[in-house]
Protein backbone atom coordinates (compact mmCIF):
# COMPACT_ATOMS: atom_id res chain seq x y z
CA MET A 1 0.00 0.00 0.00
CA THR A 2 1.33 3.48 -0.92
CA ALA A 3 2.24 5.62 2.08
CA ARG A 4 0.31 8.88 2.45
CA ILE A 5 2.51 11.80 3.50
CA LEU A 6 1.48 15.31 4.56
CA ILE A 7 3.78 18.11 3.40
CA ALA A 8 3.32 21.11 5.72
CA ASP A 9 5.28 24.18 4.63
CA ASP A 10 4.30 27.81 3.99
CA ASP A 11 6.69 28.06 1.01
CA PRO A 12 4.96 26.77 -2.17
CA ASP A 13 8.33 26.24 -3.89
CA ILE A 14 9.50 23.95 -1.07
CA ARG A 15 6.19 22.04 -1.25
CA ASP A 16 6.67 21.55 -4.99
CA ILE A 17 10.23 20.29 -4.50
CA LEU A 18 9.07 17.87 -1.81
CA LYS A 19 6.19 16.62 -3.99
CA ILE A 20 8.55 15.95 -6.91
CA THR A 21 11.02 14.19 -4.60
CA LEU A 22 8.35 12.01 -3.01
CA SER A 23 6.86 11.13 -6.39
CA GLU A 24 10.04 9.16 -7.11
CA GLU A 25 8.84 6.60 -4.54
CA ASP A 26 5.17 6.92 -5.61
CA TYR A 27 4.18 8.32 -2.22
CA GLU A 28 0.73 9.93 -2.05
CA THR A 29 1.03 13.54 -0.86
CA ILE A 30 -1.27 16.07 0.77
CA GLU A 31 -0.29 19.72 1.27
CA ALA A 32 -0.80 22.26 4.05
CA GLU A 33 0.46 25.84 3.95
CA ASN A 34 0.29 26.63 7.68
CA GLY A 35 0.25 24.88 11.04
CA GLU A 36 -3.49 25.16 11.62
CA GLU A 37 -4.29 23.56 8.27
CA ALA A 38 -1.72 20.82 8.94
CA LEU A 39 -3.29 20.02 12.31
CA ARG A 40 -6.78 19.91 10.78
CA ILE A 41 -5.66 17.45 8.10
CA ILE A 42 -3.78 15.30 10.62
CA ARG A 43 -6.91 15.00 12.75
CA ALA A 44 -9.21 14.31 9.78
CA LYS A 45 -7.28 11.98 7.46
CA PRO A 46 -5.33 8.76 8.01
CA LEU A 47 -1.66 9.52 7.35
CA ASP A 48 1.56 7.50 7.41
CA LEU A 49 4.02 10.35 7.96
CA VAL A 50 4.24 14.16 8.24
CA LEU A 51 6.98 16.40 6.83
CA LEU A 52 6.64 19.43 9.06
CA ASP A 53 8.37 22.76 8.50
CA TYR A 54 9.59 24.27 11.75
CA LYS A 55 8.71 27.88 10.88
CA MET A 56 5.11 28.33 9.72
CA PRO A 57 2.34 30.90 10.31
CA LYS A 58 -0.60 30.40 12.72
CA LEU A 59 1.02 27.37 14.42
CA ASP A 60 4.71 26.60 14.01
CA GLY A 61 6.07 23.08 13.58
CA ASN A 62 7.00 22.79 17.23
CA GLN A 63 3.44 23.63 18.35
CA VAL A 64 1.87 21.23 15.85
CA CYS A 65 4.23 18.45 16.90
CA ASN A 66 3.43 18.99 20.59
CA LEU A 67 -0.32 18.83 19.91
CA VAL A 68 -0.03 15.68 17.76
CA LYS A 69 2.24 13.81 20.16
CA GLY A 70 0.01 14.84 23.07
CA ASP A 71 -3.03 13.25 21.41
CA LEU A 72 -3.34 9.62 22.51
CA LEU A 73 -4.76 8.59 19.16
CA LEU A 74 -2.17 10.40 17.02
CA ALA A 75 0.94 9.95 19.15
CA HIS A 76 2.30 7.14 16.95
CA LEU A 77 2.12 9.21 13.74
CA PRO A 78 5.76 9.75 12.68
CA ILE A 79 6.91 13.34 12.11
CA ILE A 80 10.05 14.50 10.33
CA MET A 81 10.82 18.13 11.20
CA VAL A 82 12.25 20.27 8.39
CA THR A 83 14.54 23.01 9.74
CA GLY A 84 16.67 25.80 8.31
CA LYS A 85 20.40 25.39 7.75
CA GLY A 86 22.44 25.70 10.92
CA GLU A 87 19.43 26.35 13.19
CA THR A 88 20.57 23.97 15.91
CA SER A 89 18.08 25.29 18.46
CA ASP A 90 15.22 24.46 16.07
CA LYS A 91 16.45 20.89 15.69
CA ILE A 92 16.73 20.41 19.44
CA SER A 93 13.33 21.98 20.06
CA GLY A 94 11.74 19.79 17.37
CA ILE A 95 13.20 16.60 18.79
CA ASN A 96 12.16 17.63 22.32
CA SER A 97 8.58 18.18 21.13
CA GLY A 98 8.44 14.58 19.91
CA ALA A 99 9.58 14.69 16.28
CA ASP A 100 10.90 11.31 15.13
CA ASP A 101 13.64 12.78 12.95
CA TYR A 102 14.70 16.03 11.28
CA ILE A 103 16.25 17.13 8.01
CA VAL A 104 17.92 20.44 7.17
CA LYS A 105 17.06 22.68 4.20
CA PRO A 106 18.44 22.65 1.56
CA PHE A 107 18.27 18.87 1.66
CA GLU A 108 19.62 16.13 -0.57
CA PRO A 109 16.62 14.30 -2.13
CA LYS A 110 18.20 10.85 -1.69
CA GLU A 111 18.88 11.55 1.99
CA LEU A 112 15.28 12.67 2.54
CA LEU A 113 13.89 9.53 0.89
CA ALA A 114 16.24 7.36 2.95
CA ARG A 115 15.11 9.05 6.18
CA ILE A 116 11.45 8.62 5.22
CA ARG A 117 11.96 4.91 4.51
CA MET A 118 13.77 4.49 7.82
CA VAL A 119 11.06 6.24 9.85
CA LEU A 120 8.26 4.32 8.10
CA ARG A 121 10.03 1.01 8.79
CA ARG A 122 10.67 1.92 12.39
CA THR A 123 7.06 2.89 13.11
CA LYS A 124 5.37 0.02 11.29
CA ARG A 125 4.15 -2.49 13.85
CA ASP A 126 3.78 -6.10 12.79
CA LEU A 127 3.20 -4.90 9.23
CA GLU A 128 -0.29 -3.74 10.12
CA ALA A 129 -2.27 -1.15 12.01
CA ASN A 130 -5.84 0.01 11.69
CA PRO A 131 -5.74 2.93 9.22
CA LEU A 132 -8.52 4.83 10.98
CA THR A 133 -7.31 4.70 14.58
CA ARG A 134 -3.63 3.76 14.08
CA LEU A 135 -4.12 1.15 16.81
CA PRO A 136 -2.55 -2.32 16.44
CA GLY A 137 -4.74 -4.65 14.40
CA ASN A 138 -5.48 -8.37 14.36
CA VAL A 139 -1.93 -9.68 13.93
CA SER A 140 -0.77 -7.78 17.01
CA ILE A 141 -3.92 -8.72 18.94
CA LEU A 142 -3.44 -12.44 18.24
CA ASN A 143 0.22 -12.20 19.24
CA GLU A 144 -0.67 -10.49 22.53
CA LEU A 145 -3.39 -13.02 23.36
CA SER A 146 -1.06 -15.93 22.58
CA ARG A 147 1.59 -14.38 24.82
CA CYS A 148 -0.92 -14.06 27.68
CA ILE A 149 -1.96 -17.70 27.38
CA ALA A 150 1.65 -18.88 27.29
CA SER A 151 2.71 -16.79 30.29
CA LYS A 152 0.12 -18.37 32.65
CA ALA A 153 0.01 -15.06 34.57
CA PRO A 154 -3.40 -13.53 35.48
CA TYR A 155 -4.84 -11.45 32.66
CA ALA A 156 -8.10 -9.80 31.61
CA VAL A 157 -9.21 -9.34 28.01
CA CYS A 158 -11.86 -6.65 27.57
CA TYR A 159 -13.88 -6.94 24.35
CA VAL A 160 -15.38 -3.53 23.53
CA ASP A 161 -18.26 -3.12 21.10
CA LEU A 162 -20.59 -0.24 20.20
CA ASP A 163 -24.37 -0.74 20.23
CA LYS A 164 -26.66 0.90 17.65
CA PHE A 165 -23.63 2.00 15.62
CA LYS A 166 -25.06 0.84 12.26
CA ALA A 167 -28.18 2.94 12.80
CA TYR A 168 -25.97 5.95 13.55
CA ASN A 169 -23.98 5.37 10.34
CA ASP A 170 -27.17 5.04 8.32
CA LYS A 171 -28.48 8.38 9.54
CA TYR A 172 -25.35 10.52 9.92
CA GLY A 173 -23.04 8.99 7.32
CA PHE A 174 -19.73 7.17 7.45
CA GLU A 175 -17.60 10.27 8.01
CA HIS A 176 -19.41 11.01 11.27
CA GLY A 177 -19.26 7.29 12.07
CA ASP A 178 -15.48 7.43 11.68
CA ASP A 179 -15.43 10.34 14.15
CA VAL A 180 -17.23 8.15 16.70
CA ILE A 181 -14.72 5.31 16.14
CA ARG A 182 -11.76 7.66 16.60
CA GLU A 183 -13.29 9.14 19.75
CA THR A 184 -13.90 5.64 21.10
CA ALA A 185 -10.22 4.81 20.55
CA ARG A 186 -9.21 7.98 22.43
CA ILE A 187 -11.51 7.08 25.32
CA LEU A 188 -10.02 3.58 25.56
CA LEU A 189 -6.45 4.82 25.44
CA SER A 190 -7.17 7.53 28.01
CA ALA A 191 -8.81 5.07 30.43
CA VAL A 192 -5.91 2.62 30.12
CA LYS A 193 -3.40 5.43 30.60
CA GLU A 194 -5.19 6.61 33.76
CA PHE A 195 -6.06 3.28 35.41
CA GLY A 196 -3.97 0.63 33.65
CA ASP A 197 -0.33 -0.41 33.60
CA PRO A 198 2.23 0.85 31.06
CA GLN A 199 2.41 -2.63 29.49
CA ASP A 200 -1.36 -2.86 28.93
CA PHE A 201 -2.48 -3.28 25.32
CA VAL A 202 -5.21 -1.58 23.27
CA GLY A 203 -6.04 -2.98 19.82
CA HIS A 204 -8.62 -2.35 17.10
CA ILE A 205 -10.18 -5.54 15.75
CA GLY A 206 -12.02 -3.57 13.07
CA GLY A 207 -15.20 -1.53 12.65
CA ASP A 208 -16.58 -0.74 16.10
CA ASP A 209 -14.81 -3.64 17.85
CA PHE A 210 -11.81 -3.11 20.13
CA VAL A 211 -9.85 -5.12 22.66
CA ILE A 212 -7.96 -4.17 25.82
CA ILE A 213 -5.56 -6.57 27.53
CA THR A 214 -4.79 -5.74 31.15
CA THR A 215 -4.72 -7.44 34.56
CA PRO A 216 -7.88 -8.62 36.39
CA ILE A 217 -7.31 -6.23 39.28
CA LEU A 218 -7.38 -3.18 36.96
CA ALA A 219 -10.06 -4.23 34.46
CA ASP A 220 -13.08 -2.96 36.40
CA LYS A 221 -11.68 0.54 36.91
CA ILE A 222 -10.71 0.81 33.25
CA CYS A 223 -14.16 -0.29 32.07
CA GLU A 224 -15.97 2.00 34.52
CA LYS A 225 -13.99 4.93 33.12
CA ILE A 226 -14.74 3.91 29.53
CA VAL A 227 -18.50 3.68 30.18
CA GLN A 228 -18.50 7.04 31.99
CA ASP A 229 -16.51 8.91 29.35
CA PHE A 230 -18.26 7.26 26.40
CA ASP A 231 -21.72 8.34 27.52
CA LYS A 232 -20.47 11.91 27.98
CA SER A 233 -18.62 12.15 24.67
CA THR A 234 -20.83 10.42 22.12
CA LYS A 235 -23.81 12.70 22.76
CA LEU A 236 -21.73 15.43 21.10
CA PHE A 237 -22.08 13.59 17.78
CA TYR A 238 -25.88 13.90 17.69
CA SER A 239 -28.02 16.82 16.55
CA PRO A 240 -29.69 18.83 19.34
CA GLU A 241 -33.06 17.38 18.33
CA ASP A 242 -31.91 13.75 18.51
CA LYS A 243 -30.01 14.37 21.72
CA GLU A 244 -33.10 15.90 23.34
CA CYS A 245 -35.30 13.01 22.21
CA GLY A 246 -32.80 10.42 23.36
CA PHE A 247 -33.26 8.36 20.20
CA ILE A 248 -33.14 8.49 16.39
CA THR A 249 -35.60 7.03 13.90
CA GLY A 250 -34.54 4.38 11.42
CA HIS A 251 -35.73 1.33 9.51
CA ASN A 252 -35.61 -2.15 11.01
CA ARG A 253 -34.96 -5.32 8.97
CA GLN A 254 -38.63 -5.47 7.97
CA GLY A 255 -38.37 -1.94 6.53
CA GLU A 256 -40.53 -0.46 9.29
CA ILE A 257 -39.64 2.85 10.95
CA GLU A 258 -38.72 2.48 14.62
CA LYS A 259 -37.13 4.45 17.44
CA ILE A 260 -33.49 3.51 17.97
CA ALA A 261 -31.58 4.36 21.15
CA LEU A 262 -28.40 6.45 21.07
CA ILE A 263 -25.06 4.68 20.76
CA SER A 264 -23.82 2.89 23.87
CA VAL A 265 -20.79 0.74 24.66
CA SER A 266 -20.81 -2.89 25.80
CA ILE A 267 -17.77 -4.63 27.25
CA GLY A 268 -17.21 -8.30 28.04
CA ILE A 269 -14.27 -9.07 30.34
CA VAL A 270 -12.63 -12.48 29.98
CA THR A 271 -10.14 -13.58 32.65
CA ASN A 272 -8.19 -16.75 33.41
CA LEU A 273 -8.89 -16.50 37.14
CA THR A 274 -11.69 -19.06 37.30
CA ARG A 275 -10.97 -21.28 34.31
CA GLU A 276 -8.04 -22.55 32.30
CA ILE A 277 -7.79 -20.99 28.85
CA THR A 278 -5.69 -22.93 26.38
CA HIS A 279 -6.20 -21.21 23.02
CA VAL A 280 -7.07 -17.80 21.57
CA ALA A 281 -10.37 -18.94 20.04
CA GLN A 282 -11.59 -19.80 23.54
CA ILE A 283 -11.05 -16.21 24.65
CA GLY A 284 -13.03 -14.97 21.63
CA GLU A 285 -15.93 -17.33 22.29
CA ILE A 286 -16.23 -16.31 25.95
CA GLY A 287 -15.86 -12.64 25.02
CA ALA A 288 -18.65 -12.85 22.44
CA GLU A 289 -20.95 -14.49 24.97
CA LEU A 290 -20.23 -11.82 27.59
CA LYS A 291 -20.71 -8.98 25.10
CA LYS A 292 -24.09 -10.42 24.15
CA LEU A 293 -25.05 -10.44 27.82
CA ALA A 294 -23.84 -6.84 28.24
CA LYS A 295 -25.85 -5.72 25.20
CA SER A 296 -29.06 -7.11 26.68
CA VAL A 297 -29.03 -4.38 29.32
CA GLU A 298 -29.73 -1.66 26.68
CA LYS A 299 -27.24 0.84 28.13
CA SER A 300 -23.48 1.27 28.40
CA ASN A 301 -22.07 -1.31 30.78
CA PHE A 302 -19.59 -4.14 31.22
CA VAL A 303 -19.91 -7.78 32.26
CA LYS A 304 -17.16 -9.90 33.80
CA ASP A 305 -17.00 -13.69 33.58
CA LYS A 306 -17.35 -14.93 37.17
CA ARG A 307 -18.35 -18.52 36.53
CA GLN A 308 -15.99 -21.14 37.79
CA ILE A 309 -15.42 -24.00 35.38
CA LEU A 310 -14.42 -27.10 37.27
CA PRO A 311 -11.91 -29.53 35.73
């Protein structure tokens, strides 16, 4: 898949040079002429890398980099800072703000392409990541689950799913649906950052399905925070009329118009505390069963597997 790179520079001549250089590797490019426009594009479009000029109007490269790296959902987006010749303080400031690398103008095209390839290789995780959320995808999730099973240590796998999401997509469109998915990812990452351990894992299975891998002692707090923040945040995605009503209208499978509740989140928590788990498929089966039970409550909530399975 061709990498998509944002070129953010207020000098149109520099943007043209960068576009021509990147076209040698068939990279797809998007342009921004100031920091505010760059930040808007970064937040709206899935990108693989940003070439960010240090000195730009409205927001400079350092400010943009700080905002991107401070966003839990965008923190893994690689940034190469482009600085002026001999401006050592700019290089240091850019690196301190979280830039992954820097290159000095005027640059050698071959060096720039080599640095881009290096940064893209370094940031690619298991050859896959969800393009919408930038979270690890199924290969990483399977690897993490297999590692948990092999370690025999206590673990909790939280399967996160959105309820009524299809109805929301049907009414508001896929772009707004993508906004809900991205916000869900931020909520999950924020909850894990606040109540989890540094080694906890957040992955995106696909669509509106996510997974969190943590320890049993921390799972409840993480899920409580997710439910609380989700119900606060997702109401912002509805029109005032729908929010006031507390539902939207849509067609059911028989083609009849019905009232459909606002989006909620359901979480099933699978642990190895009360049963032996020997393979990844087993975790998925239990998680699906628990999510189904959580969905039956018709509001945001989580359900933990407490049944003891005797040998």
